[in-house]
Amino acid sequence: MSETQPEDAVAWRAITYGTPVLSADGQQAGVVREVLGSDAEDIFHGIRLQLNHGRRDVMVPAASITAITAGHVQSDRSLAELEALPPYAEESTYHLASVGWLRKHLGWRQDSQGDEEPG
């Protein structure tokens, strides 16, 4: 089995927390804070980027990701464009579950508040 090199292309599921994110001109904009997608449907939505400057998170859509390697994620946006993105707002998600106290019935229950790794 061969070892993955830092510049080898990888699938979106192989992106790890803390991977550097580069702007279109090759500057490091920040690091991956969370990968946004659906494993069940194999749909990549984008990444949650923690910016180097300002220490805030933004969402970079999949359409703006031009390359994913073992060593970095590449965006087609300039550093200024990435820094101008609105702050990331986590959306609440719900799943169908048994709800109720005395008489159980099917209903919607809110998922956990976040699934990103601490840090």
Foldseek 3Di string as FASTA:
>chain_A
DDDFDQADFDQLVLFDWFAFEAELVGDGQATFQAFDDDPVVSGGQFTWGQGPPPRFTATDGPVQFDTHGNRHTYGDHHSVVRVPGDTDDDDWDWDWDFDDDPDTDIDIDIDDPDDTDDD
